[in-house]
Amino acid sequence: MGLNFTVVIVHARMWWTYILRGLLAIIFGIVAFLAPGFALRTLVILFAVWMLIDGAGALVNTMQARGKGSWWLGLIEGLAGIVAGVVALFWPDITALVLLLLIGSWAIVTGVLEVWAAIRLRAMIQGELFLALSGILSVLFGLYVIVFPGLGVYSVLWLIGFFGILYGLTLISLGWRLRGIYLEAKGHGEYAERGMRP
């Protein structure tokens, strides 16, 4: 199957950023599971670092796809992650409720954008289901956290850990699929035909 969509090739070239983002989400999830006694301040700082790196990764992908398709959706996703990270980093003593609302809001925005991107990409690639699934999980998690903010800190940590691991696995799956597309495009000379470097 030949690839003939530049935007897919651009995203495929950045396959490793999806895997990196997935690995960081999984690490964050495991830490939340194994160390639920962490103080809220530590959780906020870990969340801030995760959001900053995730947002930067989304912006890197967006800059590669600038001007192609709905690139602005990735811009919004990346900026939302960076804003959430900066807010959490500069105000680490925020209350648990504010942190939950911040996490829930970020998850909903990111999830909606990922579902939108999956819908837009479904005609171009196979395996967009991973991106849609990631988006649906993100929206459901965000809604749950916002609707039920009165949960105990430990249950919230475990919920965050579970979400981080599932979200990370879906991003890694998408990254591996994009890697396959990248290797196929590279093998078929799709990059050279478009004047791009692999």
N, C-alpha and C. Protein backbone atom coordinates (compact mmCIF):
# COMPACT_ATOMS: atom_id res chain seq x y z
N MET A 1 0.84 -1.17 0.00
CA MET A 1 0.00 0.00 0.00
C MET A 1 0.89 1.23 0.00
N GLY A 2 0.79 2.06 -1.01
CA GLY A 2 1.59 3.26 -1.09
C GLY A 2 0.99 4.38 -0.28
N LEU A 3 1.83 5.17 0.34
CA LEU A 3 1.35 6.31 1.10
C LEU A 3 1.41 7.52 0.21
N ASN A 4 0.34 8.28 0.19
CA ASN A 4 0.34 9.45 -0.68
C ASN A 4 -0.16 10.69 0.05
N PHE A 5 -0.05 10.71 1.33
CA PHE A 5 -0.48 11.87 2.09
C PHE A 5 0.70 12.44 2.87
N THR A 6 1.11 13.64 2.52
CA THR A 6 2.26 14.29 3.14
C THR A 6 2.10 14.42 4.65
N VAL A 7 0.90 14.75 5.10
CA VAL A 7 0.70 14.95 6.54
C VAL A 7 0.96 13.66 7.32
N VAL A 8 0.58 12.53 6.77
CA VAL A 8 0.83 11.25 7.43
C VAL A 8 2.32 10.98 7.49
N ILE A 9 3.01 11.26 6.41
CA ILE A 9 4.46 11.04 6.36
C ILE A 9 5.17 11.94 7.36
N VAL A 10 4.71 13.18 7.47
CA VAL A 10 5.32 14.10 8.43
C VAL A 10 5.15 13.58 9.85
N HIS A 11 3.93 13.12 10.18
CA HIS A 11 3.71 12.55 11.52
C HIS A 11 4.50 11.26 11.70
N ALA A 12 4.56 10.46 10.66
CA ALA A 12 5.30 9.20 10.75
C ALA A 12 6.78 9.45 11.01
N ARG A 13 7.31 10.50 10.45
CA ARG A 13 8.72 10.82 10.66
C ARG A 13 9.01 11.14 12.13
N MET A 14 7.99 11.58 12.85
CA MET A 14 8.15 11.93 14.27
C MET A 14 7.60 10.83 15.17
N TRP A 15 7.60 9.58 14.71
CA TRP A 15 7.04 8.45 15.45
C TRP A 15 7.62 8.32 16.85
N TRP A 16 8.88 8.64 17.00
CA TRP A 16 9.57 8.46 18.28
C TRP A 16 9.03 9.38 19.36
N THR A 17 8.46 10.55 18.98
CA THR A 17 7.92 11.45 20.00
C THR A 17 6.68 10.84 20.67
N TYR A 18 5.90 10.08 19.90
CA TYR A 18 4.73 9.42 20.48
C TYR A 18 5.17 8.34 21.47
N ILE A 19 6.21 7.62 21.12
CA ILE A 19 6.71 6.57 22.01
C ILE A 19 7.30 7.20 23.28
N LEU A 20 8.05 8.27 23.14
CA LEU A 20 8.61 8.96 24.30
C LEU A 20 7.50 9.47 25.22
N ARG A 21 6.49 10.11 24.63
CA ARG A 21 5.36 10.60 25.43
C ARG A 21 4.67 9.44 26.14
N GLY A 22 4.52 8.31 25.44
CA GLY A 22 3.88 7.14 26.05
C GLY A 22 4.69 6.59 27.21
N LEU A 23 6.01 6.50 27.02
CA LEU A 23 6.87 5.99 28.09
C LEU A 23 6.81 6.89 29.33
N LEU A 24 6.83 8.20 29.12
CA LEU A 24 6.74 9.13 30.25
C LEU A 24 5.40 9.00 30.97
N ALA A 25 4.32 8.81 30.22
CA ALA A 25 3.01 8.63 30.84
C ALA A 25 2.99 7.35 31.67
N ILE A 26 3.60 6.29 31.16
CA ILE A 26 3.64 5.02 31.89
C ILE A 26 4.48 5.17 33.17
N ILE A 27 5.62 5.84 33.07
CA ILE A 27 6.46 6.06 34.25
C ILE A 27 5.68 6.85 35.30
N PHE A 28 5.00 7.90 34.85
CA PHE A 28 4.18 8.70 35.77
C PHE A 28 3.11 7.82 36.43
N GLY A 29 2.47 6.96 35.64
CA GLY A 29 1.44 6.07 36.18
C GLY A 29 1.99 5.09 37.19
N ILE A 30 3.14 4.52 36.91
CA ILE A 30 3.75 3.56 37.84
C ILE A 30 4.14 4.24 39.15
N VAL A 31 4.70 5.44 39.06
CA VAL A 31 5.07 6.17 40.27
C VAL A 31 3.82 6.45 41.11
N ALA A 32 2.72 6.82 40.46
CA ALA A 32 1.48 7.08 41.20
C ALA A 32 0.97 5.82 41.90
N PHE A 33 1.16 4.64 41.28
CA PHE A 33 0.73 3.38 41.89
C PHE A 33 1.65 2.95 43.04
N LEU A 34 2.95 3.02 42.81
CA LEU A 34 3.90 2.48 43.77
C LEU A 34 4.18 3.39 44.95
N ALA A 35 3.92 4.66 44.80
CA ALA A 35 4.24 5.59 45.88
C ALA A 35 3.05 6.50 46.18
N PRO A 36 1.90 5.91 46.56
CA PRO A 36 0.72 6.76 46.80
C PRO A 36 0.89 7.69 48.00
N GLY A 37 1.92 7.44 48.81
CA GLY A 37 2.16 8.30 49.95
C GLY A 37 2.88 9.60 49.60
N PHE A 38 3.25 9.75 48.33
CA PHE A 38 3.91 11.00 47.92
C PHE A 38 3.03 12.18 48.33
N ALA A 39 3.67 13.22 48.75
CA ALA A 39 2.92 14.42 49.09
C ALA A 39 2.30 15.00 47.82
N LEU A 40 1.25 15.74 47.99
CA LEU A 40 0.57 16.36 46.86
C LEU A 40 1.52 17.25 46.07
N ARG A 41 2.41 17.91 46.79
CA ARG A 41 3.38 18.79 46.11
C ARG A 41 4.24 18.00 45.13
N THR A 42 4.68 16.81 45.51
CA THR A 42 5.48 15.98 44.63
C THR A 42 4.67 15.55 43.41
N LEU A 43 3.42 15.18 43.65
CA LEU A 43 2.55 14.79 42.54
C LEU A 43 2.36 15.95 41.57
N VAL A 44 2.17 17.14 42.11
CA VAL A 44 1.98 18.32 41.26
C VAL A 44 3.22 18.56 40.41
N ILE A 45 4.40 18.43 41.01
CA ILE A 45 5.64 18.66 40.26
C ILE A 45 5.83 17.59 39.18
N LEU A 46 5.55 16.32 39.52
CA LEU A 46 5.62 15.25 38.52
C LEU A 46 4.65 15.51 37.38
N PHE A 47 3.44 15.91 37.74
CA PHE A 47 2.44 16.24 36.73
C PHE A 47 2.92 17.38 35.85
N ALA A 48 3.49 18.42 36.45
CA ALA A 48 3.98 19.57 35.69
C ALA A 48 5.05 19.16 34.69
N VAL A 49 6.00 18.34 35.13
CA VAL A 49 7.07 17.88 34.24
C VAL A 49 6.47 17.06 33.09
N TRP A 50 5.54 16.17 33.43
CA TRP A 50 4.89 15.35 32.39
C TRP A 50 4.19 16.24 31.37
N MET A 51 3.42 17.24 31.85
CA MET A 51 2.68 18.11 30.94
C MET A 51 3.61 18.93 30.06
N LEU A 52 4.69 19.43 30.64
CA LEU A 52 5.63 20.23 29.85
C LEU A 52 6.27 19.39 28.74
N ILE A 53 6.68 18.18 29.08
CA ILE A 53 7.31 17.31 28.07
C ILE A 53 6.28 16.86 27.04
N ASP A 54 5.09 16.49 27.49
CA ASP A 54 4.04 16.06 26.57
C ASP A 54 3.63 17.21 25.65
N GLY A 55 3.47 18.40 26.21
CA GLY A 55 3.12 19.57 25.40
C GLY A 55 4.20 19.91 24.39
N ALA A 56 5.46 19.83 24.82
CA ALA A 56 6.58 20.10 23.90
C ALA A 56 6.61 19.07 22.78
N GLY A 57 6.36 17.80 23.13
CA GLY A 57 6.32 16.75 22.09
C GLY A 57 5.22 17.00 21.08
N ALA A 58 4.05 17.43 21.56
CA ALA A 58 2.95 17.74 20.64
C ALA A 58 3.31 18.93 19.76
N LEU A 59 4.01 19.92 20.32
CA LEU A 59 4.40 21.08 19.51
C LEU A 59 5.45 20.71 18.46
N VAL A 60 6.37 19.82 18.81
CA VAL A 60 7.36 19.36 17.82
C VAL A 60 6.64 18.71 16.64
N ASN A 61 5.67 17.85 16.93
CA ASN A 61 4.90 17.21 15.86
C ASN A 61 4.16 18.25 15.03
N THR A 62 3.59 19.25 15.70
CA THR A 62 2.83 20.29 15.02
C THR A 62 3.72 21.12 14.10
N MET A 63 4.91 21.46 14.56
CA MET A 63 5.81 22.27 13.73
C MET A 63 6.21 21.50 12.47
N GLN A 64 6.32 20.19 12.58
CA GLN A 64 6.66 19.38 11.41
C GLN A 64 5.51 19.36 10.41
N ALA A 65 4.27 19.46 10.90
CA ALA A 65 3.09 19.38 10.04
C ALA A 65 2.50 20.76 9.73
N ARG A 66 3.18 21.81 10.13
CA ARG A 66 2.69 23.17 9.96
C ARG A 66 2.24 23.42 8.52
N GLY A 67 1.03 23.93 8.38
CA GLY A 67 0.49 24.26 7.07
C GLY A 67 -0.13 23.08 6.35
N LYS A 68 -0.13 21.91 6.94
CA LYS A 68 -0.68 20.71 6.30
C LYS A 68 -1.86 20.21 7.12
N GLY A 69 -3.02 20.17 6.52
CA GLY A 69 -4.18 19.62 7.20
C GLY A 69 -4.58 20.48 8.39
N SER A 70 -5.02 19.85 9.43
CA SER A 70 -5.49 20.54 10.65
C SER A 70 -4.36 20.63 11.67
N TRP A 71 -3.23 21.18 11.27
CA TRP A 71 -2.06 21.26 12.14
C TRP A 71 -2.33 22.07 13.39
N TRP A 72 -3.27 23.00 13.32
CA TRP A 72 -3.57 23.87 14.46
C TRP A 72 -4.14 23.09 15.65
N LEU A 73 -4.73 21.92 15.41
CA LEU A 73 -5.24 21.11 16.52
C LEU A 73 -4.08 20.64 17.41
N GLY A 74 -2.99 20.24 16.79
CA GLY A 74 -1.80 19.85 17.55
C GLY A 74 -1.21 21.03 18.30
N LEU A 75 -1.31 22.22 17.69
CA LEU A 75 -0.83 23.43 18.35
C LEU A 75 -1.62 23.68 19.63
N ILE A 76 -2.95 23.54 19.55
CA ILE A 76 -3.79 23.73 20.74
C ILE A 76 -3.46 22.69 21.80
N GLU A 77 -3.31 21.43 21.38
CA GLU A 77 -2.98 20.36 22.32
C GLU A 77 -1.65 20.63 23.02
N GLY A 78 -0.64 21.01 22.25
CA GLY A 78 0.68 21.27 22.82
C GLY A 78 0.66 22.46 23.78
N LEU A 79 -0.02 23.53 23.37
CA LEU A 79 -0.09 24.71 24.24
C LEU A 79 -0.88 24.41 25.53
N ALA A 80 -1.95 23.60 25.41
CA ALA A 80 -2.73 23.23 26.60
C ALA A 80 -1.85 22.46 27.59
N GLY A 81 -1.04 21.55 27.08
CA GLY A 81 -0.15 20.79 27.95
C GLY A 81 0.89 21.67 28.61
N ILE A 82 1.47 22.59 27.85
CA ILE A 82 2.49 23.48 28.41
C ILE A 82 1.88 24.42 29.44
N VAL A 83 0.69 24.97 29.15
CA VAL A 83 0.03 25.86 30.11
C VAL A 83 -0.27 25.10 31.40
N ALA A 84 -0.81 23.88 31.27
CA ALA A 84 -1.10 23.07 32.46
C ALA A 84 0.17 22.80 33.25
N GLY A 85 1.27 22.51 32.56
CA GLY A 85 2.55 22.26 33.23
C GLY A 85 3.10 23.48 33.93
N VAL A 86 3.03 24.63 33.28
CA VAL A 86 3.55 25.87 33.87
C VAL A 86 2.73 26.25 35.10
N VAL A 87 1.40 26.17 34.99
CA VAL A 87 0.55 26.50 36.14
C VAL A 87 0.88 25.60 37.32
N ALA A 88 1.00 24.30 37.06
CA ALA A 88 1.30 23.36 38.15
C ALA A 88 2.70 23.58 38.71
N LEU A 89 3.66 23.95 37.86
CA LEU A 89 5.03 24.14 38.31
C LEU A 89 5.21 25.39 39.17
N PHE A 90 4.54 26.47 38.79
CA PHE A 90 4.70 27.73 39.53
C PHE A 90 3.80 27.84 40.75
N TRP A 91 2.77 26.98 40.84
CA TRP A 91 1.91 26.97 42.01
C TRP A 91 1.78 25.55 42.53
N PRO A 92 2.88 24.96 43.02
CA PRO A 92 2.84 23.55 43.46
C PRO A 92 2.02 23.32 44.72
N ASP A 93 1.71 24.37 45.44
CA ASP A 93 0.95 24.19 46.67
C ASP A 93 -0.56 24.31 46.46
N ILE A 94 -0.98 24.24 45.22
CA ILE A 94 -2.42 24.33 44.96
C ILE A 94 -3.13 23.16 45.60
N THR A 95 -4.38 23.35 45.89
CA THR A 95 -5.13 22.30 46.60
C THR A 95 -5.38 21.10 45.70
N ALA A 96 -5.77 20.01 46.34
CA ALA A 96 -6.06 18.78 45.59
C ALA A 96 -7.19 19.01 44.59
N LEU A 97 -8.18 19.79 44.97
CA LEU A 97 -9.32 20.03 44.08
C LEU A 97 -8.88 20.77 42.82
N VAL A 98 -8.05 21.79 43.00
CA VAL A 98 -7.57 22.55 41.84
C VAL A 98 -6.73 21.64 40.94
N LEU A 99 -5.88 20.81 41.55
CA LEU A 99 -5.07 19.89 40.76
C LEU A 99 -5.97 18.94 39.96
N LEU A 100 -6.98 18.41 40.62
CA LEU A 100 -7.88 17.49 39.93
C LEU A 100 -8.59 18.19 38.78
N LEU A 101 -9.05 19.40 38.99
CA LEU A 101 -9.72 20.14 37.92
C LEU A 101 -8.75 20.45 36.78
N LEU A 102 -7.51 20.76 37.12
CA LEU A 102 -6.49 21.02 36.10
C LEU A 102 -6.21 19.75 35.29
N ILE A 103 -6.03 18.63 35.98
CA ILE A 103 -5.78 17.36 35.29
C ILE A 103 -6.99 16.97 34.45
N GLY A 104 -8.19 17.09 35.02
CA GLY A 104 -9.40 16.74 34.30
C GLY A 104 -9.61 17.59 33.06
N SER A 105 -9.40 18.89 33.19
CA SER A 105 -9.56 19.79 32.04
C SER A 105 -8.57 19.47 30.94
N TRP A 106 -7.31 19.26 31.33
CA TRP A 106 -6.30 18.90 30.33
C TRP A 106 -6.68 17.61 29.62
N ALA A 107 -7.13 16.61 30.38
CA ALA A 107 -7.47 15.32 29.80
C ALA A 107 -8.62 15.45 28.81
N ILE A 108 -9.61 16.27 29.12
CA ILE A 108 -10.75 16.45 28.21
C ILE A 108 -10.31 17.15 26.94
N VAL A 109 -9.56 18.25 27.06
CA VAL A 109 -9.10 18.99 25.87
C VAL A 109 -8.25 18.09 24.98
N THR A 110 -7.29 17.41 25.58
CA THR A 110 -6.41 16.52 24.82
C THR A 110 -7.21 15.40 24.17
N GLY A 111 -8.14 14.81 24.91
CA GLY A 111 -8.94 13.71 24.39
C GLY A 111 -9.79 14.11 23.21
N VAL A 112 -10.45 15.25 23.31
CA VAL A 112 -11.29 15.72 22.20
C VAL A 112 -10.44 15.96 20.96
N LEU A 113 -9.27 16.57 21.14
CA LEU A 113 -8.39 16.83 20.00
C LEU A 113 -7.86 15.54 19.38
N GLU A 114 -7.58 14.54 20.20
CA GLU A 114 -7.10 13.26 19.67
C GLU A 114 -8.19 12.51 18.91
N VAL A 115 -9.42 12.56 19.41
CA VAL A 115 -10.53 11.93 18.69
C VAL A 115 -10.74 12.64 17.35
N TRP A 116 -10.68 13.97 17.37
CA TRP A 116 -10.83 14.75 16.14
C TRP A 116 -9.73 14.37 15.14
N ALA A 117 -8.50 14.28 15.61
CA ALA A 117 -7.38 13.92 14.73
C ALA A 117 -7.57 12.51 14.18
N ALA A 118 -8.04 11.59 15.00
CA ALA A 118 -8.27 10.21 14.54
C ALA A 118 -9.32 10.18 13.44
N ILE A 119 -10.37 10.97 13.60
CA ILE A 119 -11.42 11.03 12.58
C ILE A 119 -10.84 11.58 11.28
N ARG A 120 -10.02 12.60 11.39
CA ARG A 120 -9.42 13.21 10.19
C ARG A 120 -8.42 12.26 9.51
N LEU A 121 -7.73 11.42 10.30
CA LEU A 121 -6.70 10.54 9.75
C LEU A 121 -7.23 9.18 9.30
N ARG A 122 -8.48 8.87 9.62
CA ARG A 122 -8.97 7.50 9.36
C ARG A 122 -8.91 7.11 7.89
N ALA A 123 -9.04 8.07 7.00
CA ALA A 123 -8.97 7.75 5.58
C ALA A 123 -7.53 7.63 5.09
N MET A 124 -6.58 8.08 5.91
CA MET A 124 -5.19 8.13 5.46
C MET A 124 -4.34 6.99 6.00
N ILE A 125 -4.63 6.50 7.19
CA ILE A 125 -3.80 5.45 7.78
C ILE A 125 -4.68 4.39 8.43
N GLN A 126 -4.11 3.22 8.55
CA GLN A 126 -4.75 2.18 9.35
C GLN A 126 -4.17 2.29 10.75
N GLY A 127 -4.95 1.92 11.73
CA GLY A 127 -4.46 1.96 13.10
C GLY A 127 -4.75 3.26 13.81
N GLU A 128 -5.55 4.14 13.21
CA GLU A 128 -5.91 5.38 13.88
C GLU A 128 -6.78 5.11 15.10
N LEU A 129 -7.23 3.86 15.21
CA LEU A 129 -8.03 3.46 16.36
C LEU A 129 -7.29 3.71 17.67
N PHE A 130 -5.95 3.56 17.66
CA PHE A 130 -5.17 3.79 18.88
C PHE A 130 -5.27 5.25 19.31
N LEU A 131 -5.23 6.15 18.36
CA LEU A 131 -5.35 7.57 18.68
C LEU A 131 -6.75 7.88 19.18
N ALA A 132 -7.77 7.32 18.54
CA ALA A 132 -9.15 7.53 18.98
C ALA A 132 -9.36 6.95 20.38
N LEU A 133 -8.84 5.76 20.61
CA LEU A 133 -8.97 5.12 21.92
C LEU A 133 -8.28 5.96 23.00
N SER A 134 -7.11 6.46 22.69
CA SER A 134 -6.40 7.33 23.61
C SER A 134 -7.24 8.56 23.94
N GLY A 135 -7.86 9.15 22.93
CA GLY A 135 -8.70 10.32 23.13
C GLY A 135 -9.93 10.03 23.96
N ILE A 136 -10.58 8.90 23.68
CA ILE A 136 -11.78 8.52 24.44
C ILE A 136 -11.42 8.26 25.91
N LEU A 137 -10.32 7.54 26.14
CA LEU A 137 -9.88 7.30 27.52
C LEU A 137 -9.59 8.62 28.23
N SER A 138 -8.98 9.53 27.53
CA SER A 138 -8.62 10.82 28.11
C SER A 138 -9.88 11.61 28.49
N VAL A 139 -10.86 11.65 27.60
CA VAL A 139 -12.10 12.38 27.89
C VAL A 139 -12.84 11.75 29.07
N LEU A 140 -12.96 10.41 29.06
CA LEU A 140 -13.66 9.72 30.15
C LEU A 140 -12.97 9.97 31.49
N PHE A 141 -11.65 9.89 31.48
CA PHE A 141 -10.89 10.15 32.71
C PHE A 141 -11.13 11.58 33.18
N GLY A 142 -11.03 12.54 32.27
CA GLY A 142 -11.23 13.94 32.64
C GLY A 142 -12.61 14.21 33.21
N LEU A 143 -13.64 13.63 32.58
CA LEU A 143 -15.00 13.80 33.08
C LEU A 143 -15.16 13.18 34.47
N TYR A 144 -14.59 12.01 34.65
CA TYR A 144 -14.69 11.32 35.94
C TYR A 144 -14.04 12.15 37.05
N VAL A 145 -12.88 12.67 36.78
CA VAL A 145 -12.16 13.45 37.79
C VAL A 145 -12.92 14.74 38.13
N ILE A 146 -13.51 15.37 37.12
CA ILE A 146 -14.24 16.62 37.37
C ILE A 146 -15.58 16.37 38.05
N VAL A 147 -16.28 15.31 37.65
CA VAL A 147 -17.60 15.02 38.22
C VAL A 147 -17.49 14.50 39.65
N PHE A 148 -16.45 13.73 39.96
CA PHE A 148 -16.29 13.15 41.30
C PHE A 148 -15.00 13.65 41.96
N PRO A 149 -14.91 14.95 42.24
CA PRO A 149 -13.67 15.48 42.81
C PRO A 149 -13.48 15.15 44.29
N GLY A 150 -14.50 14.64 44.94
CA GLY A 150 -14.40 14.39 46.37
C GLY A 150 -13.74 13.07 46.74
N LEU A 151 -13.18 12.37 45.77
CA LEU A 151 -12.51 11.10 46.07
C LEU A 151 -11.30 11.33 46.97
N GLY A 152 -10.92 10.31 47.68
CA GLY A 152 -9.73 10.41 48.52
C GLY A 152 -8.47 10.54 47.68
N VAL A 153 -7.44 11.06 48.29
CA VAL A 153 -6.19 11.31 47.58
C VAL A 153 -5.60 10.01 47.02
N TYR A 154 -5.66 8.93 47.79
CA TYR A 154 -5.07 7.68 47.31
C TYR A 154 -5.83 7.12 46.11
N SER A 155 -7.15 7.19 46.15
CA SER A 155 -7.91 6.67 45.00
C SER A 155 -7.67 7.53 43.78
N VAL A 156 -7.49 8.83 43.99
CA VAL A 156 -7.18 9.71 42.86
C VAL A 156 -5.80 9.38 42.30
N LEU A 157 -4.84 9.14 43.18
CA LEU A 157 -3.50 8.78 42.71
C LEU A 157 -3.54 7.49 41.90
N TRP A 158 -4.30 6.52 42.39
CA TRP A 158 -4.39 5.26 41.66
C TRP A 158 -5.13 5.44 40.34
N LEU A 159 -6.14 6.28 40.33
CA LEU A 159 -6.86 6.56 39.09
C LEU A 159 -5.94 7.26 38.10
N ILE A 160 -5.17 8.21 38.60
CA ILE A 160 -4.21 8.91 37.74
C ILE A 160 -3.16 7.91 37.22
N GLY A 161 -2.70 7.03 38.08
CA GLY A 161 -1.72 6.02 37.66
C GLY A 161 -2.28 5.11 36.59
N PHE A 162 -3.51 4.65 36.78
CA PHE A 162 -4.17 3.78 35.80
C PHE A 162 -4.31 4.50 34.47
N PHE A 163 -4.76 5.77 34.53
CA PHE A 163 -4.90 6.55 33.31
C PHE A 163 -3.56 6.74 32.61
N GLY A 164 -2.52 7.08 33.38
CA GLY A 164 -1.20 7.30 32.79
C GLY A 164 -0.69 6.07 32.06
N ILE A 165 -0.89 4.91 32.65
CA ILE A 165 -0.42 3.66 32.03
C ILE A 165 -1.21 3.36 30.76
N LEU A 166 -2.55 3.45 30.82
CA LEU A 166 -3.36 3.18 29.62
C LEU A 166 -3.07 4.19 28.51
N TYR A 167 -2.99 5.45 28.89
CA TYR A 167 -2.71 6.51 27.92
C TYR A 167 -1.34 6.28 27.28
N GLY A 168 -0.36 5.93 28.10
CA GLY A 168 0.99 5.67 27.59
C GLY A 168 1.02 4.49 26.63
N LEU A 169 0.30 3.42 26.97
CA LEU A 169 0.26 2.24 26.08
C LEU A 169 -0.36 2.58 24.73
N THR A 170 -1.41 3.39 24.74
CA THR A 170 -2.03 3.74 23.45
C THR A 170 -1.11 4.62 22.62
N LEU A 171 -0.38 5.54 23.27
CA LEU A 171 0.56 6.38 22.52
C LEU A 171 1.72 5.55 21.96
N ILE A 172 2.20 4.59 22.74
CA ILE A 172 3.28 3.72 22.24
C ILE A 172 2.79 2.89 21.05
N SER A 173 1.57 2.38 21.14
CA SER A 173 1.00 1.62 20.02
C SER A 173 0.90 2.48 18.76
N LEU A 174 0.45 3.72 18.93
CA LEU A 174 0.37 4.63 17.80
C LEU A 174 1.77 4.91 17.25
N GLY A 175 2.73 5.13 18.15
CA GLY A 175 4.10 5.40 17.72
C GLY A 175 4.69 4.26 16.91
N TRP A 176 4.44 3.01 17.34
CA TRP A 176 4.95 1.86 16.59
C TRP A 176 4.28 1.77 15.22
N ARG A 177 2.99 2.10 15.16
CA ARG A 177 2.29 2.08 13.87
C ARG A 177 2.88 3.15 12.95
N LEU A 178 3.11 4.33 13.50
CA LEU A 178 3.70 5.41 12.69
C LEU A 178 5.13 5.06 12.27
N ARG A 179 5.85 4.35 13.11
CA ARG A 179 7.19 3.90 12.74
C ARG A 179 7.14 2.99 11.52
N GLY A 180 6.15 2.09 11.50
CA GLY A 180 5.98 1.20 10.34
C GLY A 180 5.68 2.00 9.08
N ILE A 181 4.84 3.00 9.21
CA ILE A 181 4.52 3.86 8.05
C ILE A 181 5.77 4.61 7.60
N TYR A 182 6.55 5.10 8.57
CA TYR A 182 7.79 5.81 8.25
C TYR A 182 8.75 4.92 7.48
N LEU A 183 8.94 3.70 7.96
CA LEU A 183 9.87 2.78 7.30
C LEU A 183 9.36 2.41 5.91
N GLU A 184 8.04 2.23 5.78
CA GLU A 184 7.48 1.91 4.47
C GLU A 184 7.67 3.08 3.50
N ALA A 185 7.40 4.30 3.98
CA ALA A 185 7.55 5.48 3.13
C ALA A 185 9.01 5.68 2.75
N LYS A 186 9.89 5.47 3.70
CA LYS A 186 11.33 5.62 3.44
C LYS A 186 11.78 4.61 2.40
N GLY A 187 11.27 3.38 2.51
CA GLY A 187 11.62 2.33 1.56
C GLY A 187 11.09 2.57 0.17
N HIS A 188 9.95 3.23 0.08
CA HIS A 188 9.34 3.50 -1.22
C HIS A 188 9.75 4.84 -1.80
N GLY A 189 10.59 5.57 -1.12
CA GLY A 189 11.05 6.85 -1.64
C GLY A 189 10.02 7.95 -1.54
N GLU A 190 9.01 7.81 -0.66
CA GLU A 190 7.97 8.81 -0.53
C GLU A 190 8.54 10.16 -0.10
N TYR A 191 9.60 10.15 0.69
CA TYR A 191 10.19 11.41 1.15
C TYR A 191 10.85 12.14 0.00
N ALA A 192 11.65 11.42 -0.76
CA ALA A 192 12.37 12.07 -1.86
C ALA A 192 11.39 12.64 -2.89
N GLU A 193 10.31 11.93 -3.15
CA GLU A 193 9.32 12.41 -4.12
C GLU A 193 8.72 13.76 -3.69
N ARG A 194 8.68 14.02 -2.41
CA ARG A 194 8.08 15.25 -1.91
C ARG A 194 9.17 16.29 -1.54
N GLY A 195 10.39 16.00 -1.85
CA GLY A 195 11.47 16.92 -1.55
C GLY A 195 11.77 17.02 -0.07
N MET A 196 11.44 15.96 0.69
CA MET A 196 11.65 15.96 2.12
C MET A 196 12.81 15.05 2.47
N ARG A 197 13.44 15.31 3.61
CA ARG A 197 14.47 14.40 4.08
C ARG A 197 13.84 13.45 5.08
N PRO A 198 14.24 12.16 5.07
CA PRO A 198 13.66 11.19 5.98
C PRO A 198 14.06 11.42 7.42
